[in-house]
């Protein structure tokens, strides 16, 4: 029986490898960042981009808006403006 079949049947599961863990973390921060930008609503629309399209187009570019030093919505908006200009 292959490892894949064993896992599907509830067999012992191997721990996630580093790539799988990194992918899981990426999905988590991406969803959190999309949620944060969705909260901006009209502010994001002023740039002619929806938050979801913005993040999905280049998630690495916008990752620091969530993980960085932005504590308030205003700081996040300013960081977003800087990213869009740069």
N, C-alpha and C. Protein backbone atom coordinates (compact mmCIF):
# COMPACT_ATOMS: atom_id res chain seq x y z
N UNK A 1 0.85 -1.18 0.00
CA UNK A 1 0.00 0.00 0.00
C UNK A 1 0.89 1.24 0.00
N UNK A 2 0.57 2.20 -0.82
CA UNK A 2 1.38 3.41 -0.89
C UNK A 2 1.13 4.30 0.31
N UNK A 3 2.04 5.23 0.57
CA UNK A 3 1.86 6.18 1.67
C UNK A 3 0.59 6.98 1.49
N UNK A 4 0.31 7.38 0.25
CA UNK A 4 -0.87 8.18 -0.04
C UNK A 4 -2.14 7.42 0.34
N UNK A 5 -2.23 6.16 -0.09
CA UNK A 5 -3.40 5.35 0.22
C UNK A 5 -3.52 5.13 1.72
N UNK A 6 -2.39 4.93 2.39
CA UNK A 6 -2.40 4.73 3.83
C UNK A 6 -2.96 5.95 4.54
N UNK A 7 -2.54 7.15 4.11
CA UNK A 7 -3.03 8.38 4.72
C UNK A 7 -4.52 8.57 4.49
N UNK A 8 -4.98 8.23 3.29
CA UNK A 8 -6.40 8.39 2.99
C UNK A 8 -7.26 7.47 3.85
N UNK A 9 -6.71 6.36 4.25
CA UNK A 9 -7.46 5.40 5.05
C UNK A 9 -7.26 5.66 6.55
N UNK A 10 -6.64 6.75 6.90
CA UNK A 10 -6.47 7.10 8.30
C UNK A 10 -5.25 6.48 8.92
N UNK A 11 -4.33 6.00 8.10
CA UNK A 11 -3.09 5.42 8.60
C UNK A 11 -2.22 6.50 9.21
N UNK A 12 -1.04 6.10 9.62
CA UNK A 12 -0.15 7.09 10.24
C UNK A 12 0.20 8.15 9.21
N UNK A 13 0.20 9.37 9.67
CA UNK A 13 0.50 10.50 8.78
C UNK A 13 1.90 10.99 9.05
N UNK A 14 2.61 11.22 8.00
CA UNK A 14 3.95 11.79 8.14
C UNK A 14 3.82 13.26 8.52
N UNK A 15 4.75 13.77 9.32
CA UNK A 15 4.69 15.20 9.64
C UNK A 15 4.85 16.02 8.35
N UNK A 16 4.26 17.20 8.37
CA UNK A 16 4.35 18.07 7.19
C UNK A 16 5.82 18.41 6.93
N UNK A 17 6.20 18.35 5.66
CA UNK A 17 7.55 18.77 5.35
C UNK A 17 7.62 20.29 5.35
N UNK A 18 8.81 20.83 5.24
CA UNK A 18 9.00 22.28 5.34
C UNK A 18 8.21 23.03 4.27
N UNK A 19 8.16 22.49 3.05
CA UNK A 19 7.42 23.17 1.99
C UNK A 19 5.93 23.22 2.30
N UNK A 20 5.39 22.13 2.82
CA UNK A 20 3.96 22.11 3.16
C UNK A 20 3.67 23.08 4.29
N UNK A 21 4.55 23.14 5.28
CA UNK A 21 4.36 24.08 6.39
C UNK A 21 4.42 25.52 5.88
N UNK A 22 5.36 25.81 5.01
CA UNK A 22 5.49 27.16 4.47
C UNK A 22 4.24 27.52 3.66
N UNK A 23 3.72 26.58 2.90
CA UNK A 23 2.52 26.82 2.11
C UNK A 23 1.33 27.12 3.02
N UNK A 24 1.22 26.38 4.12
CA UNK A 24 0.12 26.58 5.06
C UNK A 24 0.21 27.97 5.69
N UNK A 25 1.40 28.37 6.07
CA UNK A 25 1.59 29.70 6.65
C UNK A 25 1.25 30.77 5.62
N UNK A 26 1.67 30.57 4.36
CA UNK A 26 1.40 31.54 3.31
C UNK A 26 -0.11 31.72 3.13
N UNK A 27 -0.85 30.63 3.14
CA UNK A 27 -2.30 30.71 2.98
C UNK A 27 -2.90 31.49 4.14
N UNK A 28 -2.44 31.23 5.37
CA UNK A 28 -2.95 31.91 6.55
C UNK A 28 -2.74 33.42 6.47
N UNK A 29 -1.50 33.86 6.17
CA UNK A 29 -1.27 35.31 6.15
C UNK A 29 -1.94 35.94 4.96
N UNK A 30 -2.03 35.23 3.85
CA UNK A 30 -2.69 35.78 2.67
C UNK A 30 -4.17 36.03 2.96
N UNK A 31 -4.82 35.07 3.60
CA UNK A 31 -6.23 35.24 3.96
C UNK A 31 -6.41 36.38 4.94
N UNK A 32 -5.52 36.48 5.92
CA UNK A 32 -5.61 37.56 6.91
C UNK A 32 -5.39 38.92 6.26
N UNK A 33 -4.47 38.99 5.32
CA UNK A 33 -4.20 40.25 4.64
C UNK A 33 -5.37 40.64 3.74
N UNK A 34 -5.94 39.67 3.04
CA UNK A 34 -7.11 39.96 2.21
C UNK A 34 -8.25 40.47 3.09
N UNK A 35 -8.44 39.86 4.25
CA UNK A 35 -9.49 40.29 5.17
C UNK A 35 -9.23 41.73 5.63
N UNK A 36 -7.98 42.02 5.95
CA UNK A 36 -7.63 43.37 6.42
C UNK A 36 -7.87 44.41 5.32
N UNK A 37 -7.48 44.07 4.09
CA UNK A 37 -7.69 45.01 2.99
C UNK A 37 -9.17 45.12 2.62
N UNK A 38 -9.92 44.02 2.77
CA UNK A 38 -11.36 44.08 2.53
C UNK A 38 -12.02 45.06 3.48
N UNK A 39 -11.48 45.17 4.70
CA UNK A 39 -12.01 46.13 5.67
C UNK A 39 -11.85 47.56 5.18
N UNK A 40 -10.86 47.80 4.33
CA UNK A 40 -10.64 49.14 3.80
C UNK A 40 -11.69 49.51 2.76
N UNK A 41 -12.28 48.49 2.12
CA UNK A 41 -13.35 48.71 1.17
C UNK A 41 -13.10 49.80 0.16
N UNK A 42 -13.75 50.93 0.35
CA UNK A 42 -13.70 52.02 -0.62
C UNK A 42 -12.30 52.58 -0.82
N UNK A 43 -11.47 52.54 0.21
CA UNK A 43 -10.12 53.06 0.06
C UNK A 43 -9.34 52.27 -0.97
N UNK A 44 -9.50 50.95 -0.97
CA UNK A 44 -8.82 50.12 -1.96
C UNK A 44 -9.42 50.38 -3.34
N UNK A 45 -10.73 50.55 -3.39
CA UNK A 45 -11.40 50.78 -4.68
C UNK A 45 -10.95 52.08 -5.32
N UNK A 46 -10.51 53.05 -4.53
CA UNK A 46 -10.02 54.31 -5.09
C UNK A 46 -8.84 54.06 -6.02
N UNK A 47 -8.11 52.98 -5.79
CA UNK A 47 -6.96 52.67 -6.63
C UNK A 47 -7.37 51.84 -7.84
N UNK A 48 -8.66 51.50 -7.95
CA UNK A 48 -9.13 50.73 -9.08
C UNK A 48 -8.81 49.25 -8.99
N UNK A 49 -8.48 48.76 -7.80
CA UNK A 49 -8.16 47.35 -7.60
C UNK A 49 -8.96 46.80 -6.43
N UNK A 50 -9.46 45.59 -6.57
CA UNK A 50 -10.07 44.97 -5.40
C UNK A 50 -8.95 44.40 -4.54
N UNK A 51 -9.19 44.27 -3.26
CA UNK A 51 -8.16 43.75 -2.36
C UNK A 51 -7.75 42.34 -2.77
N UNK A 52 -8.70 41.52 -3.13
CA UNK A 52 -8.37 40.13 -3.47
C UNK A 52 -7.47 40.06 -4.70
N UNK A 53 -7.79 40.81 -5.74
CA UNK A 53 -6.96 40.81 -6.95
C UNK A 53 -5.58 41.36 -6.63
N UNK A 54 -5.54 42.40 -5.83
CA UNK A 54 -4.27 43.02 -5.45
C UNK A 54 -3.34 42.00 -4.79
N UNK A 55 -3.84 41.31 -3.80
CA UNK A 55 -3.01 40.35 -3.07
C UNK A 55 -2.66 39.15 -3.93
N UNK A 56 -3.63 38.64 -4.66
CA UNK A 56 -3.37 37.44 -5.45
C UNK A 56 -2.44 37.72 -6.63
N UNK A 57 -2.37 38.96 -7.07
CA UNK A 57 -1.49 39.28 -8.19
C UNK A 57 -0.02 39.19 -7.80
N UNK A 58 0.30 39.56 -6.57
CA UNK A 58 1.70 39.53 -6.12
C UNK A 58 1.73 39.48 -4.60
N UNK A 59 1.40 38.33 -4.01
CA UNK A 59 1.27 38.26 -2.56
C UNK A 59 2.54 38.61 -1.79
N UNK A 60 3.70 38.26 -2.32
CA UNK A 60 4.94 38.57 -1.61
C UNK A 60 5.13 40.08 -1.46
N UNK A 61 4.69 40.83 -2.44
CA UNK A 61 4.86 42.29 -2.43
C UNK A 61 4.06 42.94 -1.30
N UNK A 62 2.92 42.35 -0.95
CA UNK A 62 2.03 42.96 0.04
C UNK A 62 2.07 42.28 1.40
N UNK A 63 2.89 41.25 1.53
CA UNK A 63 2.96 40.48 2.77
C UNK A 63 3.29 41.36 3.98
N UNK A 64 4.19 42.31 3.80
CA UNK A 64 4.61 43.13 4.94
C UNK A 64 3.53 44.08 5.43
N UNK A 65 2.46 44.30 4.66
CA UNK A 65 1.36 45.12 5.16
C UNK A 65 0.70 44.45 6.36
N UNK A 66 0.71 43.13 6.36
CA UNK A 66 0.14 42.39 7.47
C UNK A 66 1.19 42.11 8.54
N UNK A 67 2.37 41.71 8.10
CA UNK A 67 3.39 41.28 9.04
C UNK A 67 4.27 42.42 9.54
N UNK A 68 4.16 43.58 8.92
CA UNK A 68 5.01 44.71 9.26
C UNK A 68 4.53 45.49 10.47
N UNK A 69 4.85 46.76 10.48
CA UNK A 69 4.62 47.61 11.65
C UNK A 69 3.29 48.35 11.62
N UNK A 70 2.44 48.08 10.65
CA UNK A 70 1.17 48.81 10.55
C UNK A 70 0.26 48.40 11.70
N UNK A 71 -0.05 49.37 12.56
CA UNK A 71 -0.90 49.08 13.71
C UNK A 71 -2.32 49.59 13.50
N UNK A 72 -2.48 50.57 12.65
CA UNK A 72 -3.79 51.16 12.45
C UNK A 72 -4.18 51.04 10.99
N UNK A 73 -5.45 51.24 10.72
CA UNK A 73 -5.95 51.21 9.35
C UNK A 73 -5.28 52.30 8.53
N UNK A 74 -5.08 53.48 9.13
CA UNK A 74 -4.45 54.58 8.41
C UNK A 74 -3.02 54.23 8.00
N UNK A 75 -2.27 53.61 8.91
CA UNK A 75 -0.90 53.20 8.58
C UNK A 75 -0.91 52.17 7.46
N UNK A 76 -1.88 51.27 7.49
CA UNK A 76 -1.98 50.24 6.46
C UNK A 76 -2.30 50.88 5.11
N UNK A 77 -3.20 51.87 5.11
CA UNK A 77 -3.55 52.56 3.87
C UNK A 77 -2.33 53.28 3.31
N UNK A 78 -1.57 53.96 4.16
CA UNK A 78 -0.38 54.66 3.70
C UNK A 78 0.64 53.67 3.13
N UNK A 79 0.80 52.53 3.78
CA UNK A 79 1.72 51.51 3.28
C UNK A 79 1.23 50.97 1.94
N UNK A 80 -0.08 50.80 1.79
CA UNK A 80 -0.65 50.33 0.53
C UNK A 80 -0.40 51.36 -0.57
N UNK A 81 -0.60 52.62 -0.27
CA UNK A 81 -0.35 53.68 -1.26
C UNK A 81 1.11 53.65 -1.71
N UNK A 82 2.02 53.49 -0.76
CA UNK A 82 3.44 53.45 -1.09
C UNK A 82 3.76 52.25 -1.98
N UNK A 83 3.16 51.11 -1.69
CA UNK A 83 3.39 49.92 -2.51
C UNK A 83 2.86 50.12 -3.93
N UNK A 84 1.71 50.74 -4.04
CA UNK A 84 1.11 50.94 -5.36
C UNK A 84 1.93 51.92 -6.20
N UNK A 85 2.54 52.90 -5.54
CA UNK A 85 3.37 53.87 -6.26
C UNK A 85 4.71 53.26 -6.67
N UNK A 86 5.23 52.35 -5.80
CA UNK A 86 6.56 51.81 -6.00
C UNK A 86 6.56 50.65 -6.92
